[in-house]
N, C-alpha and C. Protein backbone atom coordinates (compact mmCIF):
# COMPACT_ATOMS: atom_id res chain seq x y z
N MET A 1 -15.94 8.72 -6.74
CA MET A 1 -15.11 7.97 -5.73
C MET A 1 -13.50 8.49 -5.87
N SER A 2 -12.79 8.92 -5.19
CA SER A 2 -11.46 9.40 -4.97
C SER A 2 -10.70 8.55 -4.08
N GLY A 3 -9.41 8.37 -4.51
CA GLY A 3 -8.48 7.54 -3.67
C GLY A 3 -6.99 7.78 -3.87
N ILE A 4 -6.15 7.56 -2.85
CA ILE A 4 -4.73 7.70 -3.18
C ILE A 4 -4.16 6.57 -2.56
N ILE A 5 -2.85 6.51 -3.18
CA ILE A 5 -1.94 5.31 -2.60
C ILE A 5 -1.00 5.92 -1.62
N GLN A 6 -0.95 5.31 -0.42
CA GLN A 6 0.08 5.90 0.59
C GLN A 6 0.95 4.67 0.82
N GLN A 7 2.31 5.28 1.06
CA GLN A 7 3.17 4.21 1.73
C GLN A 7 3.24 4.23 3.28
N VAL A 8 2.90 3.02 3.90
CA VAL A 8 2.70 3.07 5.11
C VAL A 8 4.13 3.39 5.85
N GLN A 9 3.89 4.21 6.93
CA GLN A 9 5.01 4.47 7.91
C GLN A 9 4.91 4.07 9.10
N LYS A 10 5.89 3.95 9.83
CA LYS A 10 5.80 3.38 11.31
C LYS A 10 4.80 3.98 12.28
N ARG A 11 4.89 5.35 12.04
CA ARG A 11 3.82 6.30 12.83
C ARG A 11 2.26 5.91 12.57
N MET A 12 1.90 5.53 11.45
CA MET A 12 0.90 5.12 11.02
C MET A 12 0.36 3.66 11.55
N LEU A 13 1.47 2.86 11.69
CA LEU A 13 0.96 1.48 12.24
C LEU A 13 0.68 1.72 13.76
N ILE A 14 1.38 2.79 14.27
CA ILE A 14 0.84 2.74 15.86
C ILE A 14 -0.45 3.31 15.79
N SER A 15 -0.86 4.52 15.03
CA SER A 15 -2.16 4.95 14.99
C SER A 15 -3.21 4.18 14.56
N LEU A 16 -2.97 3.00 13.55
CA LEU A 16 -3.87 2.31 13.13
C LEU A 16 -3.51 0.75 13.46
N ALA A 17 -3.07 0.60 14.72
CA ALA A 17 -2.57 -0.67 15.24
C ALA A 17 -3.49 -1.96 14.93
N GLN A 18 -4.85 -1.87 15.18
CA GLN A 18 -5.84 -2.87 15.14
C GLN A 18 -5.95 -3.20 13.83
N VAL A 19 -6.10 -1.94 12.81
CA VAL A 19 -6.49 -2.02 11.56
C VAL A 19 -5.29 -2.76 10.79
N ALA A 20 -4.13 -2.48 11.01
CA ALA A 20 -2.85 -2.90 10.35
C ALA A 20 -2.57 -4.38 10.62
N LYS A 21 -3.14 -4.72 12.00
CA LYS A 21 -2.76 -6.11 12.45
C LYS A 21 -3.85 -7.13 11.77
N ASP A 22 -5.07 -6.45 11.52
CA ASP A 22 -6.14 -7.21 10.81
C ASP A 22 -5.83 -7.11 9.42
N LEU A 23 -5.25 -6.35 8.46
CA LEU A 23 -4.75 -6.24 7.39
C LEU A 23 -3.38 -6.86 6.86
N ASN A 24 -2.55 -7.41 8.02
CA ASN A 24 -1.22 -7.77 7.98
C ASN A 24 -0.53 -6.70 7.29
N LEU A 25 -0.61 -5.44 7.64
CA LEU A 25 0.34 -4.41 7.24
C LEU A 25 1.62 -4.21 7.85
N GLN A 26 2.63 -3.88 7.23
CA GLN A 26 3.80 -3.77 7.49
C GLN A 26 4.45 -2.41 7.05
N GLU A 27 5.41 -2.05 7.65
CA GLU A 27 5.92 -0.47 7.26
C GLU A 27 6.54 -0.94 5.99
N GLY A 28 6.40 0.14 5.25
CA GLY A 28 6.99 0.14 3.82
C GLY A 28 5.80 -0.44 2.81
N ASP A 29 4.73 -1.09 3.27
CA ASP A 29 3.47 -1.58 2.45
C ASP A 29 2.88 -0.28 2.01
N HIS A 30 2.22 -0.66 0.74
CA HIS A 30 1.32 0.57 0.19
C HIS A 30 -0.03 0.08 0.30
N VAL A 31 -0.95 1.20 0.55
CA VAL A 31 -2.38 0.92 0.94
C VAL A 31 -3.06 2.14 0.03
N LEU A 32 -4.39 1.69 -0.35
CA LEU A 32 -5.26 2.64 -1.07
C LEU A 32 -6.40 3.22 -0.08
N ILE A 33 -6.34 4.36 0.09
CA ILE A 33 -7.35 5.04 0.85
C ILE A 33 -8.30 5.81 0.36
N GLU A 34 -9.58 5.32 0.19
CA GLU A 34 -10.48 6.03 -0.53
C GLU A 34 -11.58 6.64 0.49
N GLU A 35 -12.21 7.63 0.21
CA GLU A 35 -13.19 8.36 0.72
C GLU A 35 -14.41 7.97 -0.07
N ARG A 36 -15.34 7.26 0.40
CA ARG A 36 -16.52 6.68 -0.27
C ARG A 36 -17.74 6.36 0.88
N ASP A 37 -18.82 6.77 0.41
CA ASP A 37 -20.13 6.36 1.17
C ASP A 37 -19.88 7.00 2.68
N GLY A 38 -19.35 8.13 2.55
CA GLY A 38 -19.40 8.94 3.86
C GLY A 38 -18.36 8.16 4.87
N GLY A 39 -17.38 7.39 4.61
CA GLY A 39 -16.46 6.99 5.25
C GLY A 39 -14.95 6.63 4.52
N ILE A 40 -14.12 6.38 5.38
CA ILE A 40 -12.77 6.17 4.62
C ILE A 40 -12.40 4.78 4.66
N PHE A 41 -11.92 4.20 3.73
CA PHE A 41 -11.67 2.82 3.33
C PHE A 41 -10.30 2.82 3.16
N ILE A 42 -9.50 1.78 3.74
CA ILE A 42 -8.08 1.33 3.59
C ILE A 42 -8.10 -0.08 3.07
N ARG A 43 -7.32 -0.22 1.97
CA ARG A 43 -7.18 -1.66 1.46
C ARG A 43 -5.58 -1.95 1.13
N PRO A 44 -5.11 -2.78 1.15
CA PRO A 44 -3.64 -2.90 0.63
C PRO A 44 -3.72 -3.11 -0.78
N THR A 45 -2.44 -2.68 -1.34
CA THR A 45 -2.31 -2.51 -2.98
C THR A 45 -0.91 -2.98 -3.41
N ARG A 46 -1.06 -3.48 -4.43
CA ARG A 46 0.26 -4.01 -5.06
C ARG A 46 0.84 -2.95 -6.06
N LEU A 47 1.90 -2.63 -6.03
CA LEU A 47 2.43 -1.46 -7.02
C LEU A 47 3.41 -2.29 -8.07
């Protein structure tokens, strides 16, 4: 399992609008992006 932490940028919120709304993501938040089980998983993280 591999993952990276990525800071959310405004253009990402536009591309992922429904996901961002469901996760209550705001510009500047950090998320963990994992490739696992043949899919990509995004979850909020606290630094």
